[in-house]
Amino acid sequence: YGELLPDDKEKIIKSYTEKGKKVMMI
C-alpha cells in the first residue's frame, strides 16, 4: 500500500485484525 498517512496505516491494520487475523507491524 502506497501514499499512506499514519491514520491510513492504522486503518489497514485494524481491517485485518477485525477479520481475526494475527498481524505484526514493524
PDB file of all heavy atoms in Angstrom:
ATOM      1  N   TYR A   1       0.865  -1.189   0.000  1.00  0.00           N
ATOM      2  CA  TYR A   1       0.000   0.000   0.000  1.00  0.00           C
ATOM      3  C   TYR A   1       0.895   1.230   0.000  1.00  0.00           C
ATOM      4  O   TYR A   1       1.816   1.337   0.819  1.00  0.00           O
ATOM      5  CB  TYR A   1      -0.908   0.026   1.239  1.00  0.00           C
ATOM      6  CG  TYR A   1      -1.864  -1.135   1.340  1.00  0.00           C
ATOM      7  CD1 TYR A   1      -1.468  -2.341   1.908  1.00  0.00           C
ATOM      8  CD2 TYR A   1      -3.176  -1.037   0.877  1.00  0.00           C
ATOM      9  CE1 TYR A   1      -2.343  -3.424   2.008  1.00  0.00           C
ATOM     10  CE2 TYR A   1      -4.063  -2.106   0.975  1.00  0.00           C
ATOM     11  CZ  TYR A   1      -3.636  -3.290   1.540  1.00  0.00           C
ATOM     12  OH  TYR A   1      -4.506  -4.350   1.629  1.00  0.00           O
ATOM     13  N   GLY A   2       0.640   2.163  -0.923  1.00  0.00           N
ATOM     14  CA  GLY A   2       1.435   3.381  -1.013  1.00  0.00           C
ATOM     15  C   GLY A   2       0.640   4.625  -0.693  1.00  0.00           C
ATOM     16  O   GLY A   2      -0.581   4.576  -0.495  1.00  0.00           O
ATOM     17  N   GLU A   3       1.357   5.758  -0.591  1.00  0.00           N
ATOM     18  CA  GLU A   3       0.753   7.073  -0.341  1.00  0.00           C
ATOM     19  C   GLU A   3      -0.096   7.084   0.930  1.00  0.00           C
ATOM     20  O   GLU A   3      -1.200   7.605   0.964  1.00  0.00           O
ATOM     21  CB  GLU A   3      -0.081   7.514  -1.554  1.00  0.00           C
ATOM     22  CG  GLU A   3       0.736   7.621  -2.833  1.00  0.00           C
ATOM     23  CD  GLU A   3      -0.105   7.974  -4.047  1.00  0.00           C
ATOM     24  OE1 GLU A   3      -1.307   8.248  -3.881  1.00  0.00           O
ATOM     25  OE2 GLU A   3       0.453   7.965  -5.170  1.00  0.00           O
ATOM     26  N   LEU A   4       0.455   6.491   1.994  1.00  0.00           N
ATOM     27  CA  LEU A   4      -0.292   6.351   3.243  1.00  0.00           C
ATOM     28  C   LEU A   4       0.108   7.388   4.278  1.00  0.00           C
ATOM     29  O   LEU A   4       1.282   7.712   4.431  1.00  0.00           O
ATOM     30  CB  LEU A   4      -0.061   4.957   3.841  1.00  0.00           C
ATOM     31  CG  LEU A   4      -0.441   3.749   2.982  1.00  0.00           C
ATOM     32  CD1 LEU A   4      -0.071   2.464   3.712  1.00  0.00           C
ATOM     33  CD2 LEU A   4      -1.930   3.765   2.650  1.00  0.00           C
ATOM     34  N   LEU A   5      -0.881   7.879   5.003  1.00  0.00           N
ATOM     35  CA  LEU A   5      -0.665   8.702   6.190  1.00  0.00           C
ATOM     36  C   LEU A   5      -0.786   7.782   7.410  1.00  0.00           C
ATOM     37  O   LEU A   5      -1.254   6.645   7.286  1.00  0.00           O
ATOM     38  CB  LEU A   5      -1.700   9.818   6.253  1.00  0.00           C
ATOM     39  CG  LEU A   5      -1.582  10.895   5.160  1.00  0.00           C
ATOM     40  CD1 LEU A   5      -2.766  11.853   5.234  1.00  0.00           C
ATOM     41  CD2 LEU A   5      -0.271  11.651   5.268  1.00  0.00           C
ATOM     42  N   PRO A   6      -0.403   8.258   8.613  1.00  0.00           N
ATOM     43  CA  PRO A   6      -0.487   7.396   9.792  1.00  0.00           C
ATOM     44  C   PRO A   6      -1.869   6.782  10.016  1.00  0.00           C
ATOM     45  O   PRO A   6      -1.980   5.607  10.361  1.00  0.00           O
ATOM     46  CB  PRO A   6      -0.115   8.350  10.937  1.00  0.00           C
ATOM     47  CG  PRO A   6       0.782   9.333  10.304  1.00  0.00           C
ATOM     48  CD  PRO A   6       0.249   9.539   8.929  1.00  0.00           C
ATOM     49  N   ASP A   7      -2.934   7.573   9.812  1.00  0.00           N
ATOM     50  CA  ASP A   7      -4.273   7.021  10.049  1.00  0.00           C
ATOM     51  C   ASP A   7      -4.627   5.978   8.994  1.00  0.00           C
ATOM     52  O   ASP A   7      -5.382   5.038   9.263  1.00  0.00           O
ATOM     53  CB  ASP A   7      -5.326   8.125  10.104  1.00  0.00           C
ATOM     54  CG  ASP A   7      -5.310   9.029   8.885  1.00  0.00           C
ATOM     55  OD1 ASP A   7      -4.255   9.115   8.242  1.00  0.00           O
ATOM     56  OD2 ASP A   7      -6.342   9.639   8.576  1.00  0.00           O
ATOM     57  N   ASP A   8      -4.068   6.121   7.770  1.00  0.00           N
ATOM     58  CA  ASP A   8      -4.306   5.116   6.730  1.00  0.00           C
ATOM     59  C   ASP A   8      -3.688   3.777   7.138  1.00  0.00           C
ATOM     60  O   ASP A   8      -4.305   2.723   6.999  1.00  0.00           O
ATOM     61  CB  ASP A   8      -3.704   5.559   5.392  1.00  0.00           C
ATOM     62  CG  ASP A   8      -4.355   6.832   4.851  1.00  0.00           C
ATOM     63  OD1 ASP A   8      -5.575   6.982   5.039  1.00  0.00           O
ATOM     64  OD2 ASP A   8      -3.646   7.663   4.263  1.00  0.00           O
ATOM     65  N   LYS A   9      -2.446   3.844   7.629  1.00  0.00           N
ATOM     66  CA  LYS A   9      -1.766   2.619   8.064  1.00  0.00           C
ATOM     67  C   LYS A   9      -2.541   1.946   9.188  1.00  0.00           C
ATOM     68  O   LYS A   9      -2.752   0.725   9.177  1.00  0.00           O
ATOM     69  CB  LYS A   9      -0.337   2.939   8.548  1.00  0.00           C
ATOM     70  CG  LYS A   9       0.628   3.350   7.455  1.00  0.00           C
ATOM     71  CD  LYS A   9       2.034   3.520   8.026  1.00  0.00           C
ATOM     72  CE  LYS A   9       3.028   3.929   6.957  1.00  0.00           C
ATOM     73  NZ  LYS A   9       4.399   4.051   7.471  1.00  0.00           N
ATOM     74  N   GLU A  10      -2.968   2.744  10.149  1.00  0.00           N
ATOM     75  CA  GLU A  10      -3.699   2.205  11.301  1.00  0.00           C
ATOM     76  C   GLU A  10      -5.012   1.561  10.872  1.00  0.00           C
ATOM     77  O   GLU A  10      -5.411   0.514  11.371  1.00  0.00           O
ATOM     78  CB  GLU A  10      -3.935   3.338  12.309  1.00  0.00           C
ATOM     79  CG  GLU A  10      -4.390   2.869  13.684  1.00  0.00           C
ATOM     80  CD  GLU A  10      -5.892   2.979  13.857  1.00  0.00           C
ATOM     81  OE1 GLU A  10      -6.561   3.559  12.973  1.00  0.00           O
ATOM     82  OE2 GLU A  10      -6.412   2.467  14.851  1.00  0.00           O
ATOM     83  N   LYS A  11      -5.711   2.177   9.920  1.00  0.00           N
ATOM     84  CA  LYS A  11      -6.982   1.633   9.428  1.00  0.00           C
ATOM     85  C   LYS A  11      -6.777   0.308   8.706  1.00  0.00           C
ATOM     86  O   LYS A  11      -7.595  -0.611   8.830  1.00  0.00           O
ATOM     87  CB  LYS A  11      -7.661   2.648   8.489  1.00  0.00           C
ATOM     88  CG  LYS A  11      -8.298   3.827   9.219  1.00  0.00           C
ATOM     89  CD  LYS A  11      -8.802   4.870   8.224  1.00  0.00           C
ATOM     90  CE  LYS A  11      -9.328   6.109   8.946  1.00  0.00           C
ATOM     91  NZ  LYS A  11      -9.685   7.187   7.984  1.00  0.00           N
ATOM     92  N   ILE A  12      -5.692   0.213   7.933  1.00  0.00           N
ATOM     93  CA  ILE A  12      -5.397  -1.034   7.223  1.00  0.00           C
ATOM     94  C   ILE A  12      -5.129  -2.159   8.223  1.00  0.00           C
ATOM     95  O   ILE A  12      -5.665  -3.266   8.101  1.00  0.00           O
ATOM     96  CB  ILE A  12      -4.192  -0.850   6.273  1.00  0.00           C
ATOM     97  CG1 ILE A  12      -4.580   0.066   5.101  1.00  0.00           C
ATOM     98  CG2 ILE A  12      -3.699  -2.198   5.750  1.00  0.00           C
ATOM     99  CD1 ILE A  12      -3.402   0.511   4.254  1.00  0.00           C
ATOM    100  N   ILE A  13      -4.298  -1.863   9.241  1.00  0.00           N
ATOM    101  CA  ILE A  13      -4.010  -2.855  10.289  1.00  0.00           C
ATOM    102  C   ILE A  13      -5.307  -3.284  10.969  1.00  0.00           C
ATOM    103  O   ILE A  13      -5.562  -4.475  11.188  1.00  0.00           O
ATOM    104  CB  ILE A  13      -3.036  -2.279  11.343  1.00  0.00           C
ATOM    105  CG1 ILE A  13      -1.683  -1.923  10.714  1.00  0.00           C
ATOM    106  CG2 ILE A  13      -2.857  -3.259  12.499  1.00  0.00           C
ATOM    107  CD1 ILE A  13      -0.815  -3.081  10.364  1.00  0.00           C
ATOM    108  N   LYS A  14      -6.150  -2.307  11.307  1.00  0.00           N
ATOM    109  CA  LYS A  14      -7.403  -2.595  12.009  1.00  0.00           C
ATOM    110  C   LYS A  14      -8.313  -3.480  11.172  1.00  0.00           C
ATOM    111  O   LYS A  14      -8.978  -4.383  11.693  1.00  0.00           O
ATOM    112  CB  LYS A  14      -8.115  -1.276  12.354  1.00  0.00           C
ATOM    113  CG  LYS A  14      -9.332  -1.447  13.254  1.00  0.00           C
ATOM    114  CD  LYS A  14      -9.920  -0.102  13.632  1.00  0.00           C
ATOM    115  CE  LYS A  14     -11.116  -0.269  14.561  1.00  0.00           C
ATOM    116  NZ  LYS A  14     -11.705   1.038  14.932  1.00  0.00           N
ATOM    117  N   SER A  15      -8.350  -3.224   9.861  1.00  0.00           N
ATOM    118  CA  SER A  15      -9.228  -4.014   8.993  1.00  0.00           C
ATOM    119  C   SER A  15      -8.819  -5.490   8.996  1.00  0.00           C
ATOM    120  O   SER A  15      -9.665  -6.377   8.915  1.00  0.00           O
ATOM    121  CB  SER A  15      -9.193  -3.459   7.560  1.00  0.00           C
ATOM    122  OG  SER A  15      -7.935  -3.694   6.948  1.00  0.00           O
ATOM    123  N   TYR A  16      -7.528  -5.758   9.122  1.00  0.00           N
ATOM    124  CA  TYR A  16      -7.056  -7.148   9.159  1.00  0.00           C
ATOM    125  C   TYR A  16      -7.340  -7.786  10.519  1.00  0.00           C
ATOM    126  O   TYR A  16      -7.758  -8.943  10.583  1.00  0.00           O
ATOM    127  CB  TYR A  16      -5.551  -7.211   8.867  1.00  0.00           C
ATOM    128  CG  TYR A  16      -5.205  -7.144   7.396  1.00  0.00           C
ATOM    129  CD1 TYR A  16      -5.248  -5.942   6.698  1.00  0.00           C
ATOM    130  CD2 TYR A  16      -4.813  -8.275   6.690  1.00  0.00           C
ATOM    131  CE1 TYR A  16      -4.922  -5.861   5.343  1.00  0.00           C
ATOM    132  CE2 TYR A  16      -4.483  -8.211   5.332  1.00  0.00           C
ATOM    133  CZ  TYR A  16      -4.541  -7.000   4.671  1.00  0.00           C
ATOM    134  OH  TYR A  16      -4.215  -6.927   3.340  1.00  0.00           O
ATOM    135  N   THR A  17      -7.092  -7.042  11.606  1.00  0.00           N
ATOM    136  CA  THR A  17      -7.314  -7.604  12.945  1.00  0.00           C
ATOM    137  C   THR A  17      -8.799  -7.856  13.199  1.00  0.00           C
ATOM    138  O   THR A  17      -9.157  -8.801  13.901  1.00  0.00           O
ATOM    139  CB  THR A  17      -6.758  -6.675  14.038  1.00  0.00           C
ATOM    140  OG1 THR A  17      -7.342  -5.363  13.912  1.00  0.00           O
ATOM    141  CG2 THR A  17      -5.249  -6.549  13.935  1.00  0.00           C
ATOM    142  N   GLU A  18      -9.657  -7.016  12.626  1.00  0.00           N
ATOM    143  CA  GLU A  18     -11.098  -7.217  12.806  1.00  0.00           C
ATOM    144  C   GLU A  18     -11.596  -8.471  12.092  1.00  0.00           C
ATOM    145  O   GLU A  18     -12.660  -8.995  12.409  1.00  0.00           O
ATOM    146  CB  GLU A  18     -11.866  -5.987  12.299  1.00  0.00           C
ATOM    147  CG  GLU A  18     -11.769  -4.789  13.248  1.00  0.00           C
ATOM    148  CD  GLU A  18     -12.496  -3.567  12.729  1.00  0.00           C
ATOM    149  OE1 GLU A  18     -12.803  -3.511  11.515  1.00  0.00           O
ATOM    150  OE2 GLU A  18     -12.770  -2.654  13.546  1.00  0.00           O
ATOM    151  N   LYS A  19     -10.816  -8.931  11.117  1.00  0.00           N
ATOM    152  CA  LYS A  19     -11.160 -10.181  10.426  1.00  0.00           C
ATOM    153  C   LYS A  19     -10.621 -11.396  11.173  1.00  0.00           C
ATOM    154  O   LYS A  19     -10.716 -12.527  10.696  1.00  0.00           O
ATOM    155  CB  LYS A  19     -10.580 -10.164   9.011  1.00  0.00           C
ATOM    156  CG  LYS A  19     -11.216  -9.134   8.084  1.00  0.00           C
ATOM    157  CD  LYS A  19     -10.486  -9.105   6.744  1.00  0.00           C
ATOM    158  CE  LYS A  19     -10.999  -7.983   5.850  1.00  0.00           C
ATOM    159  NZ  LYS A  19     -10.198  -7.859   4.601  1.00  0.00           N
ATOM    160  N   GLY A  20     -10.031 -11.134  12.354  1.00  0.00           N
ATOM    161  CA  GLY A  20      -9.498 -12.233  13.155  1.00  0.00           C
ATOM    162  C   GLY A  20      -8.092 -12.646  12.782  1.00  0.00           C
ATOM    163  O   GLY A  20      -7.604 -13.688  13.232  1.00  0.00           O
ATOM    164  N   LYS A  21      -7.413 -11.845  11.953  1.00  0.00           N
ATOM    165  CA  LYS A  21      -6.053 -12.171  11.540  1.00  0.00           C
ATOM    166  C   LYS A  21      -5.052 -11.720  12.600  1.00  0.00           C
ATOM    167  O   LYS A  21      -5.215 -10.664  13.209  1.00  0.00           O
ATOM    168  CB  LYS A  21      -5.715 -11.502  10.206  1.00  0.00           C
ATOM    169  CG  LYS A  21      -6.662 -11.857   9.059  1.00  0.00           C
ATOM    170  CD  LYS A  21      -6.585 -13.333   8.696  1.00  0.00           C
ATOM    171  CE  LYS A  21      -7.473 -13.648   7.510  1.00  0.00           C
ATOM    172  NZ  LYS A  21      -7.454 -15.103   7.191  1.00  0.00           N
ATOM    173  N   LYS A  22      -4.016 -12.524  12.817  1.00  0.00           N
ATOM    174  CA  LYS A  22      -2.933 -12.133  13.707  1.00  0.00           C
ATOM    175  C   LYS A  22      -1.876 -11.413  12.875  1.00  0.00           C
ATOM    176  O   LYS A  22      -1.337 -11.989  11.927  1.00  0.00           O
ATOM    177  CB  LYS A  22      -2.329 -13.344  14.407  1.00  0.00           C
ATOM    178  CG  LYS A  22      -3.222 -13.910  15.500  1.00  0.00           C
ATOM    179  CD  LYS A  22      -2.488 -14.927  16.335  1.00  0.00           C
ATOM    180  CE  LYS A  22      -3.358 -15.408  17.485  1.00  0.00           C
ATOM    181  NZ  LYS A  22      -2.653 -16.395  18.338  1.00  0.00           N
ATOM    182  N   VAL A  23      -1.618 -10.171  13.228  1.00  0.00           N
ATOM    183  CA  VAL A  23      -0.704  -9.369  12.413  1.00  0.00           C
ATOM    184  C   VAL A  23       0.391  -8.740  13.269  1.00  0.00           C
ATOM    185  O   VAL A  23       0.172  -8.381  14.424  1.00  0.00           O
ATOM    186  CB  VAL A  23      -1.461  -8.260  11.649  1.00  0.00           C
ATOM    187  CG1 VAL A  23      -2.565  -8.847  10.792  1.00  0.00           C
ATOM    188  CG2 VAL A  23      -2.044  -7.224  12.593  1.00  0.00           C
ATOM    189  N   MET A  24       1.564  -8.638  12.659  1.00  0.00           N
ATOM    190  CA  MET A  24       2.683  -7.934  13.287  1.00  0.00           C
ATOM    191  C   MET A  24       2.999  -6.720  12.429  1.00  0.00           C
ATOM    192  O   MET A  24       2.992  -6.799  11.202  1.00  0.00           O
ATOM    193  CB  MET A  24       3.915  -8.839  13.380  1.00  0.00           C
ATOM    194  CG  MET A  24       5.117  -8.168  14.054  1.00  0.00           C
ATOM    195  SD  MET A  24       6.666  -9.139  13.912  1.00  0.00           S
ATOM    196  CE  MET A  24       6.243 -10.579  14.870  1.00  0.00           C
ATOM    197  N   MET A  25       3.225  -5.582  13.085  1.00  0.00           N
ATOM    198  CA  MET A  25       3.629  -4.374  12.379  1.00  0.00           C
ATOM    199  C   MET A  25       5.064  -4.046  12.771  1.00  0.00           C
ATOM    200  O   MET A  25       5.403  -4.036  13.959  1.00  0.00           O
ATOM    201  CB  MET A  25       2.710  -3.204  12.750  1.00  0.00           C
ATOM    202  CG  MET A  25       3.169  -1.849  12.216  1.00  0.00           C
ATOM    203  SD  MET A  25       3.104  -1.762  10.409  1.00  0.00           S
ATOM    204  CE  MET A  25       3.943  -0.193  10.116  1.00  0.00           C
ATOM    205  N   ILE A  26       5.899  -3.802  11.761  1.00  0.00           N
ATOM    206  CA  ILE A  26       7.289  -3.441  12.021  1.00  0.00           C
ATOM    207  C   ILE A  26       7.546  -2.067  11.428  1.00  0.00           C
ATOM    208  O   ILE A  26       7.335  -1.846  10.236  1.00  0.00           O
ATOM    209  CB  ILE A  26       8.251  -4.473  11.404  1.00  0.00           C
ATOM    210  CG1 ILE A  26       7.935  -5.871  11.953  1.00  0.00           C
ATOM    211  CG2 ILE A  26       9.702  -4.106  11.703  1.00  0.00           C
ATOM    212  CD1 ILE A  26       8.664  -6.981  11.258  1.00  0.00           C
TER     213      ILE A  26
END
